[in-house]
Amino acid sequence: MKIFALERYHHWANVMRRHFESQQYADERKAHWEPYMAAWYGLLYVVVEGWKELGLSDPKIDELLLDEEKKELLRRYRNGAFHYQADYFDDRFVALWSRDYEATYWIQQLHDAFARWIPAWNQSYGRWLDSRHSGK
């Protein structure tokens, strides 16, 4: 099922988030140098794309995705991270960095909403999030 591909991308985003959040930054600007944030944000945007493509719906997720400005910041950041940008301070990065606290809060909420929805969907279909342990 196509939804299991969505689950995979969210799992990857979740792993990158855990790596990112496990780091301690004396200077928060250093966080922008580390790869985990870029990987987390980029993979989370892939989940957003899959959500839309699959035509899924959830009140909390749908509400968060109504914020076109933040969704666009995340999309552009993903593009900046995964398509070479010769300018270190390319606007795809700087636009999100300049709204760091506000954007980060929204990104965390969105990630958490997907983290709530995916296991609930799996449980409703008798399939747990981490199916690798089932031997199937």
C-alpha atoms as a PDB file:
ATOM      1  CA  MET A   1       0.000   0.000   0.000  1.00  0.00           C
ATOM      2  CA  LYS A   2       1.156   3.479  -0.782  1.00  0.00           C
ATOM      3  CA  ILE A   3       0.599   4.638   2.777  1.00  0.00           C
ATOM      4  CA  PHE A   4       3.438   2.404   3.953  1.00  0.00           C
ATOM      5  CA  ALA A   5       5.803   4.445   1.797  1.00  0.00           C
ATOM      6  CA  LEU A   6       4.564   7.531   3.638  1.00  0.00           C
ATOM      7  CA  GLU A   7       5.271   5.721   6.902  1.00  0.00           C
ATOM      8  CA  ARG A   8       8.847   5.018   5.745  1.00  0.00           C
ATOM      9  CA  TYR A   9       9.533   8.684   4.992  1.00  0.00           C
ATOM     10  CA  HIS A  10       8.132   9.699   8.359  1.00  0.00           C
ATOM     11  CA  HIS A  11      10.290   7.079  10.076  1.00  0.00           C
ATOM     12  CA  TRP A  12      13.371   8.485   8.354  1.00  0.00           C
ATOM     13  CA  ALA A  13      12.348  12.027   9.367  1.00  0.00           C
ATOM     14  CA  ASN A  14      11.849  10.821  12.923  1.00  0.00           C
ATOM     15  CA  VAL A  15      15.344   9.296  13.069  1.00  0.00           C
ATOM     16  CA  MET A  16      16.876  12.549  11.777  1.00  0.00           C
ATOM     17  CA  ARG A  17      14.848  14.553  14.298  1.00  0.00           C
ATOM     18  CA  ARG A  18      16.124  12.401  17.170  1.00  0.00           C
ATOM     19  CA  HIS A  19      19.715  12.857  15.977  1.00  0.00           C
ATOM     20  CA  PHE A  20      19.225  16.590  15.618  1.00  0.00           C
ATOM     21  CA  GLU A  21      17.570  17.010  19.009  1.00  0.00           C
ATOM     22  CA  SER A  22      20.261  14.912  20.731  1.00  0.00           C
ATOM     23  CA  GLN A  23      22.906  17.471  19.793  1.00  0.00           C
ATOM     24  CA  GLN A  24      23.849  20.231  22.208  1.00  0.00           C
ATOM     25  CA  TYR A  25      24.618  23.575  20.594  1.00  0.00           C
ATOM     26  CA  ALA A  26      26.352  26.260  22.642  1.00  0.00           C
ATOM     27  CA  ASP A  27      25.699  28.553  19.687  1.00  0.00           C
ATOM     28  CA  GLU A  28      22.363  27.777  18.029  1.00  0.00           C
ATOM     29  CA  ARG A  29      23.693  29.078  14.697  1.00  0.00           C
ATOM     30  CA  LYS A  30      25.828  25.923  14.594  1.00  0.00           C
ATOM     31  CA  ALA A  31      22.611  23.890  14.321  1.00  0.00           C
ATOM     32  CA  HIS A  32      22.282  25.216  10.772  1.00  0.00           C
ATOM     33  CA  TRP A  33      25.627  23.648   9.900  1.00  0.00           C
ATOM     34  CA  GLU A  34      24.677  20.167  11.097  1.00  0.00           C
ATOM     35  CA  PRO A  35      23.121  17.772   8.547  1.00  0.00           C
ATOM     36  CA  TYR A  36      20.400  16.361  10.787  1.00  0.00           C
ATOM     37  CA  MET A  37      18.184  19.420  10.686  1.00  0.00           C
ATOM     38  CA  ALA A  38      18.334  19.605   6.895  1.00  0.00           C
ATOM     39  CA  ALA A  39      17.614  15.887   6.568  1.00  0.00           C
ATOM     40  CA  TRP A  40      14.743  16.050   9.065  1.00  0.00           C
ATOM     41  CA  TYR A  41      13.105  19.072   7.429  1.00  0.00           C
ATOM     42  CA  GLY A  42      13.602  17.698   3.923  1.00  0.00           C
ATOM     43  CA  LEU A  43      12.128  14.309   4.766  1.00  0.00           C
ATOM     44  CA  LEU A  44       9.229  15.899   6.625  1.00  0.00           C
ATOM     45  CA  TYR A  45       8.355  17.834   3.482  1.00  0.00           C
ATOM     46  CA  VAL A  46       8.322  14.547   1.543  1.00  0.00           C
ATOM     47  CA  VAL A  47       5.716  13.347   4.069  1.00  0.00           C
ATOM     48  CA  VAL A  48       3.693  16.510   3.360  1.00  0.00           C
ATOM     49  CA  GLU A  49       3.853  15.772  -0.370  1.00  0.00           C
ATOM     50  CA  GLY A  50       2.793  12.159   0.175  1.00  0.00           C
ATOM     51  CA  TRP A  51      -0.057  13.240   2.453  1.00  0.00           C
ATOM     52  CA  LYS A  52      -1.400  15.494  -0.272  1.00  0.00           C
ATOM     53  CA  GLU A  53      -0.840  12.956  -3.068  1.00  0.00           C
ATOM     54  CA  LEU A  54      -2.652  10.218  -1.132  1.00  0.00           C
ATOM     55  CA  GLY A  55      -5.574  12.519  -0.341  1.00  0.00           C
ATOM     56  CA  LEU A  56      -5.386  11.780   3.380  1.00  0.00           C
ATOM     57  CA  SER A  57      -7.116  13.886   5.982  1.00  0.00           C
ATOM     58  CA  ASP A  58      -6.814  14.594   9.688  1.00  0.00           C
ATOM     59  CA  PRO A  59      -8.163  17.719  11.399  1.00  0.00           C
ATOM     60  CA  LYS A  60      -4.905  18.665  13.156  1.00  0.00           C
ATOM     61  CA  ILE A  61      -2.617  17.911  10.203  1.00  0.00           C
ATOM     62  CA  ASP A  62      -4.953  19.619   7.755  1.00  0.00           C
ATOM     63  CA  GLU A  63      -5.126  22.682  10.010  1.00  0.00           C
ATOM     64  CA  LEU A  64      -1.338  22.922  10.190  1.00  0.00           C
ATOM     65  CA  LEU A  65      -1.030  22.490   6.419  1.00  0.00           C
ATOM     66  CA  LEU A  66      -3.359  25.448   5.866  1.00  0.00           C
ATOM     67  CA  ASP A  67      -0.418  27.670   6.798  1.00  0.00           C
ATOM     68  CA  GLU A  68       0.804  28.112   3.232  1.00  0.00           C
ATOM     69  CA  GLU A  69       3.614  30.461   4.273  1.00  0.00           C
ATOM     70  CA  LYS A  70       5.276  27.979   6.621  1.00  0.00           C
ATOM     71  CA  LYS A  71       4.634  25.087   4.264  1.00  0.00           C
ATOM     72  CA  GLU A  72       6.391  27.070   1.533  1.00  0.00           C
ATOM     73  CA  LEU A  73       9.320  27.850   3.865  1.00  0.00           C
ATOM     74  CA  LEU A  74       9.695  24.119   4.502  1.00  0.00           C
ATOM     75  CA  ARG A  75       9.426  23.244   0.789  1.00  0.00           C
ATOM     76  CA  ARG A  76      12.019  25.820  -0.194  1.00  0.00           C
ATOM     77  CA  TYR A  77      14.342  24.711   2.618  1.00  0.00           C
ATOM     78  CA  ARG A  78      14.079  21.125   1.369  1.00  0.00           C
ATOM     79  CA  ASN A  79      14.898  22.303  -2.137  1.00  0.00           C
ATOM     80  CA  GLY A  80      17.874  24.263  -0.854  1.00  0.00           C
ATOM     81  CA  ALA A  81      19.149  21.305   1.128  1.00  0.00           C
ATOM     82  CA  PHE A  82      18.764  18.720  -1.629  1.00  0.00           C
ATOM     83  CA  HIS A  83      19.598  20.790  -4.703  1.00  0.00           C
ATOM     84  CA  TYR A  84      23.042  22.373  -4.757  1.00  0.00           C
ATOM     85  CA  GLN A  85      23.048  26.077  -3.849  1.00  0.00           C
ATOM     86  CA  ALA A  86      26.304  27.896  -4.579  1.00  0.00           C
ATOM     87  CA  ASP A  87      25.330  30.769  -2.277  1.00  0.00           C
ATOM     88  CA  TYR A  88      25.852  29.658   1.325  1.00  0.00           C
ATOM     89  CA  PHE A  89      23.261  32.203   2.452  1.00  0.00           C
ATOM     90  CA  ASP A  90      20.748  31.304  -0.250  1.00  0.00           C
ATOM     91  CA  ASP A  91      17.270  32.586   0.558  1.00  0.00           C
ATOM     92  CA  ARG A  92      15.930  29.019   0.690  1.00  0.00           C
ATOM     93  CA  PHE A  93      17.884  28.661   3.942  1.00  0.00           C
ATOM     94  CA  VAL A  94      17.853  32.201   5.259  1.00  0.00           C
ATOM     95  CA  ALA A  95      14.076  32.596   4.909  1.00  0.00           C
ATOM     96  CA  LEU A  96      13.505  29.709   7.312  1.00  0.00           C
ATOM     97  CA  TRP A  97      16.427  30.602   9.583  1.00  0.00           C
ATOM     98  CA  SER A  98      15.117  34.148   9.974  1.00  0.00           C
ATOM     99  CA  ARG A  99      11.801  32.730  11.258  1.00  0.00           C
ATOM    100  CA  ASP A 100      13.553  30.022  13.221  1.00  0.00           C
ATOM    101  CA  TYR A 101      11.500  29.927  16.434  1.00  0.00           C
ATOM    102  CA  GLU A 102       8.142  30.322  14.747  1.00  0.00           C
ATOM    103  CA  ALA A 103       8.955  27.921  11.917  1.00  0.00           C
ATOM    104  CA  THR A 104      10.567  25.361  14.222  1.00  0.00           C
ATOM    105  CA  TYR A 105       7.510  25.287  16.462  1.00  0.00           C
ATOM    106  CA  TRP A 106       5.245  24.710  13.440  1.00  0.00           C
ATOM    107  CA  ILE A 107       7.577  21.998  12.086  1.00  0.00           C
ATOM    108  CA  GLN A 108       7.601  20.218  15.457  1.00  0.00           C
ATOM    109  CA  GLN A 109       3.812  20.380  15.672  1.00  0.00           C
ATOM    110  CA  LEU A 110       3.460  19.013  12.139  1.00  0.00           C
ATOM    111  CA  HIS A 111       5.936  16.211  12.773  1.00  0.00           C
ATOM    112  CA  ASP A 112       4.174  15.305  16.024  1.00  0.00           C
ATOM    113  CA  ALA A 113       0.781  15.291  14.300  1.00  0.00           C
ATOM    114  CA  PHE A 114       2.060  12.804  11.719  1.00  0.00           C
ATOM    115  CA  ALA A 115       3.681  10.790  14.546  1.00  0.00           C
ATOM    116  CA  ARG A 116       0.263  10.550  16.192  1.00  0.00           C
ATOM    117  CA  TRP A 117      -1.712   9.811  13.009  1.00  0.00           C
ATOM    118  CA  ILE A 118       0.470   7.085  11.451  1.00  0.00           C
ATOM    119  CA  PRO A 119       0.434   4.653  14.419  1.00  0.00           C
ATOM    120  CA  ALA A 120      -3.299   5.284  14.918  1.00  0.00           C
ATOM    121  CA  TRP A 121      -3.925   4.444  11.267  1.00  0.00           C
ATOM    122  CA  ASN A 122      -1.767   1.334  11.533  1.00  0.00           C
ATOM    123  CA  GLN A 123      -3.556   0.181  14.658  1.00  0.00           C
ATOM    124  CA  SER A 124      -6.936   0.707  13.036  1.00  0.00           C
ATOM    125  CA  TYR A 125      -5.817  -1.696  10.296  1.00  0.00           C
ATOM    126  CA  GLY A 126      -4.154  -4.168  12.682  1.00  0.00           C
ATOM    127  CA  ARG A 127      -0.647  -3.189  11.603  1.00  0.00           C
ATOM    128  CA  TRP A 128       1.892  -1.591  13.948  1.00  0.00           C
ATOM    129  CA  LEU A 129       4.176   1.251  12.897  1.00  0.00           C
ATOM    130  CA  ASP A 130       7.345  -0.822  13.011  1.00  0.00           C
ATOM    131  CA  SER A 131       6.312  -3.847  10.982  1.00  0.00           C
ATOM    132  CA  ARG A 132       9.938  -4.974  10.648  1.00  0.00           C
ATOM    133  CA  HIS A 133       9.580  -6.933  13.887  1.00  0.00           C
ATOM    134  CA  SER A 134       6.558  -8.913  12.707  1.00  0.00           C
ATOM    135  CA  GLY A 135       8.572 -11.202  10.455  1.00  0.00           C
ATOM    136  CA  LYS A 136       6.393 -10.327   7.461  1.00  0.00           C
END
